[in-house]
């Protein structure tokens, strides 16, 4: 695994985090993989509005950045599984906090609608 060299040039930890998770689907992919190993088509079914090519791109970037592991089994037909790396699992604590905040924000917005 070779991490992107441009990440080393970013001096701000928040900027690094933003760069790693930038992408419409990356957070959702990581959240989906929290329950364990999934094959590509399982991910595609779990995220029905994502285009296949975009899922491939996002998974490659997450793999390159060390958050997702891709395991290829040499069989016919080829079998590929995706899972979170240790760093990806650590990032789930950030996503959990985002989930909490999003839930609170949704309630906040609903309460403003009823006033």
C-alpha atoms as a PDB file:
ATOM      1  CA  UNK A   1       0.000   0.000   0.000  1.00  0.00           C
ATOM      2  CA  UNK A   2       1.429   3.353  -0.985  1.00  0.00           C
ATOM      3  CA  UNK A   3      -0.189   6.347   0.671  1.00  0.00           C
ATOM      4  CA  UNK A   4      -0.692   9.495  -1.367  1.00  0.00           C
ATOM      5  CA  UNK A   5       2.394  11.691  -1.111  1.00  0.00           C
ATOM      6  CA  UNK A   6       0.373  14.906  -1.318  1.00  0.00           C
ATOM      7  CA  UNK A   7      -1.101  14.110   2.113  1.00  0.00           C
ATOM      8  CA  UNK A   8       2.369  14.514   3.612  1.00  0.00           C
ATOM      9  CA  UNK A   9       2.482  18.081   2.294  1.00  0.00           C
ATOM     10  CA  UNK A  10      -0.647  19.105   4.211  1.00  0.00           C
ATOM     11  CA  UNK A  11       0.488  20.471   7.559  1.00  0.00           C
ATOM     12  CA  UNK A  12      -2.934  20.781   9.220  1.00  0.00           C
ATOM     13  CA  UNK A  13      -4.387  17.545  10.682  1.00  0.00           C
ATOM     14  CA  UNK A  14      -7.923  18.749   9.935  1.00  0.00           C
ATOM     15  CA  UNK A  15      -6.895  19.367   6.321  1.00  0.00           C
ATOM     16  CA  UNK A  16      -5.454  15.857   6.097  1.00  0.00           C
ATOM     17  CA  UNK A  17      -8.680  14.386   7.461  1.00  0.00           C
ATOM     18  CA  UNK A  18     -10.766  16.445   5.066  1.00  0.00           C
ATOM     19  CA  UNK A  19      -8.603  15.358   2.131  1.00  0.00           C
ATOM     20  CA  UNK A  20      -8.818  11.666   3.031  1.00  0.00           C
ATOM     21  CA  UNK A  21     -12.602  11.629   3.401  1.00  0.00           C
ATOM     22  CA  UNK A  22     -13.367  14.054   0.572  1.00  0.00           C
ATOM     23  CA  UNK A  23     -15.811  12.405  -1.768  1.00  0.00           C
ATOM     24  CA  UNK A  24     -19.563  12.123  -1.780  1.00  0.00           C
ATOM     25  CA  UNK A  25     -19.613   8.460  -0.752  1.00  0.00           C
ATOM     26  CA  UNK A  26     -16.495   7.819   1.347  1.00  0.00           C
ATOM     27  CA  UNK A  27     -18.103   8.342   4.747  1.00  0.00           C
ATOM     28  CA  UNK A  28     -21.106   6.235   3.795  1.00  0.00           C
ATOM     29  CA  UNK A  29     -18.855   3.451   2.476  1.00  0.00           C
ATOM     30  CA  UNK A  30     -16.861   3.438   5.720  1.00  0.00           C
ATOM     31  CA  UNK A  31     -20.092   3.427   7.751  1.00  0.00           C
ATOM     32  CA  UNK A  32     -21.432   0.535   5.666  1.00  0.00           C
ATOM     33  CA  UNK A  33     -18.248  -1.496   6.192  1.00  0.00           C
ATOM     34  CA  UNK A  34     -18.447  -1.071   9.980  1.00  0.00           C
ATOM     35  CA  UNK A  35     -20.345  -4.356  10.295  1.00  0.00           C
ATOM     36  CA  UNK A  36     -17.654  -6.397   8.584  1.00  0.00           C
ATOM     37  CA  UNK A  37     -16.327  -7.728   5.302  1.00  0.00           C
ATOM     38  CA  UNK A  38     -18.385  -7.087   2.176  1.00  0.00           C
ATOM     39  CA  UNK A  39     -18.059  -8.001  -1.464  1.00  0.00           C
ATOM     40  CA  UNK A  40     -18.302  -5.342  -4.154  1.00  0.00           C
ATOM     41  CA  UNK A  41     -21.859  -6.260  -5.194  1.00  0.00           C
ATOM     42  CA  UNK A  42     -22.979  -6.261  -1.558  1.00  0.00           C
ATOM     43  CA  UNK A  43     -21.702  -2.709  -1.236  1.00  0.00           C
ATOM     44  CA  UNK A  44     -23.410  -1.776  -4.486  1.00  0.00           C
ATOM     45  CA  UNK A  45     -26.725  -3.151  -3.177  1.00  0.00           C
ATOM     46  CA  UNK A  46     -26.251  -1.398   0.171  1.00  0.00           C
ATOM     47  CA  UNK A  47     -25.727   1.905  -1.662  1.00  0.00           C
ATOM     48  CA  UNK A  48     -28.327   1.704  -4.433  1.00  0.00           C
ATOM     49  CA  UNK A  49     -27.904   5.250  -5.731  1.00  0.00           C
ATOM     50  CA  UNK A  50     -24.135   5.067  -6.282  1.00  0.00           C
ATOM     51  CA  UNK A  51     -22.809   4.370  -9.758  1.00  0.00           C
ATOM     52  CA  UNK A  52     -20.635   1.271 -10.064  1.00  0.00           C
ATOM     53  CA  UNK A  53     -17.671   3.201 -11.465  1.00  0.00           C
ATOM     54  CA  UNK A  54     -17.848   5.771  -8.693  1.00  0.00           C
ATOM     55  CA  UNK A  55     -17.943   3.055  -6.027  1.00  0.00           C
ATOM     56  CA  UNK A  56     -14.819   1.551  -7.584  1.00  0.00           C
ATOM     57  CA  UNK A  57     -13.072   4.947  -7.554  1.00  0.00           C
ATOM     58  CA  UNK A  58     -14.015   5.727  -3.955  1.00  0.00           C
ATOM     59  CA  UNK A  59     -12.930   2.265  -2.768  1.00  0.00           C
ATOM     60  CA  UNK A  60      -9.579   2.626  -4.525  1.00  0.00           C
ATOM     61  CA  UNK A  61      -8.953   5.979  -2.869  1.00  0.00           C
ATOM     62  CA  UNK A  62      -9.953   4.648   0.552  1.00  0.00           C
ATOM     63  CA  UNK A  63      -7.635   1.696  -0.001  1.00  0.00           C
ATOM     64  CA  UNK A  64      -4.804   3.977  -1.124  1.00  0.00           C
ATOM     65  CA  UNK A  65      -5.294   6.135   1.983  1.00  0.00           C
ATOM     66  CA  UNK A  66      -5.150   3.103   4.268  1.00  0.00           C
ATOM     67  CA  UNK A  67      -8.749   3.023   5.527  1.00  0.00           C
ATOM     68  CA  UNK A  68     -10.028   0.068   3.486  1.00  0.00           C
ATOM     69  CA  UNK A  69      -8.412  -3.282   2.747  1.00  0.00           C
ATOM     70  CA  UNK A  70      -9.101  -5.053  -0.555  1.00  0.00           C
ATOM     71  CA  UNK A  71      -8.632  -8.823  -0.595  1.00  0.00           C
ATOM     72  CA  UNK A  72      -8.571 -10.540  -3.982  1.00  0.00           C
ATOM     73  CA  UNK A  73      -9.107 -14.299  -4.061  1.00  0.00           C
ATOM     74  CA  UNK A  74      -7.599 -16.072  -7.053  1.00  0.00           C
ATOM     75  CA  UNK A  75     -10.558 -18.133  -8.154  1.00  0.00           C
ATOM     76  CA  UNK A  76     -13.004 -18.239 -11.021  1.00  0.00           C
ATOM     77  CA  UNK A  77     -14.997 -16.075 -11.016  1.00  0.00           C
ATOM     78  CA  UNK A  78     -12.711 -13.680  -9.133  1.00  0.00           C
ATOM     79  CA  UNK A  79     -13.822 -12.845  -5.620  1.00  0.00           C
ATOM     80  CA  UNK A  80     -12.963  -9.489  -4.030  1.00  0.00           C
ATOM     81  CA  UNK A  81     -13.777  -8.515  -0.471  1.00  0.00           C
ATOM     82  CA  UNK A  82     -13.502  -5.157   1.259  1.00  0.00           C
ATOM     83  CA  UNK A  83     -13.016  -4.490   4.952  1.00  0.00           C
ATOM     84  CA  UNK A  84     -11.859  -1.710   7.232  1.00  0.00           C
ATOM     85  CA  UNK A  85      -8.201  -1.528   8.203  1.00  0.00           C
ATOM     86  CA  UNK A  86      -7.191  -0.718  11.778  1.00  0.00           C
ATOM     87  CA  UNK A  87      -7.028   2.953  10.774  1.00  0.00           C
ATOM     88  CA  UNK A  88     -10.484   2.680   9.199  1.00  0.00           C
ATOM     89  CA  UNK A  89     -11.844   1.158  12.401  1.00  0.00           C
ATOM     90  CA  UNK A  90     -10.303   4.013  14.418  1.00  0.00           C
ATOM     91  CA  UNK A  91     -12.025   6.487  12.107  1.00  0.00           C
ATOM     92  CA  UNK A  92     -15.419   4.996  13.044  1.00  0.00           C
ATOM     93  CA  UNK A  93     -15.259   6.970  16.304  1.00  0.00           C
ATOM     94  CA  UNK A  94     -15.269  10.153  14.215  1.00  0.00           C
ATOM     95  CA  UNK A  95     -18.202   8.897  12.134  1.00  0.00           C
ATOM     96  CA  UNK A  96     -20.068   7.913  15.327  1.00  0.00           C
ATOM     97  CA  UNK A  97     -19.747  11.513  16.532  1.00  0.00           C
ATOM     98  CA  UNK A  98     -20.920  12.762  13.131  1.00  0.00           C
ATOM     99  CA  UNK A  99     -23.916  10.406  13.422  1.00  0.00           C
ATOM    100  CA  UNK A 100     -24.751  11.811  16.862  1.00  0.00           C
ATOM    101  CA  UNK A 101     -24.426  15.392  15.650  1.00  0.00           C
ATOM    102  CA  UNK A 102     -26.484  14.666  12.524  1.00  0.00           C
ATOM    103  CA  UNK A 103     -29.247  13.141  14.636  1.00  0.00           C
ATOM    104  CA  UNK A 104     -29.289  16.168  16.942  1.00  0.00           C
ATOM    105  CA  UNK A 105     -29.233  18.533  13.975  1.00  0.00           C
ATOM    106  CA  UNK A 106     -32.151  16.721  12.346  1.00  0.00           C
ATOM    107  CA  UNK A 107     -34.177  17.116  15.540  1.00  0.00           C
ATOM    108  CA  UNK A 108     -33.166  20.780  15.711  1.00  0.00           C
ATOM    109  CA  UNK A 109     -34.370  21.338  12.141  1.00  0.00           C
ATOM    110  CA  UNK A 110     -37.647  19.513  12.816  1.00  0.00           C
ATOM    111  CA  UNK A 111     -38.276  21.654  15.884  1.00  0.00           C
ATOM    112  CA  UNK A 112     -37.698  24.826  13.840  1.00  0.00           C
ATOM    113  CA  UNK A 113     -40.204  23.566  11.259  1.00  0.00           C
ATOM    114  CA  UNK A 114     -42.934  23.172  13.871  1.00  0.00           C
ATOM    115  CA  UNK A 115     -42.542  26.711  15.226  1.00  0.00           C
END
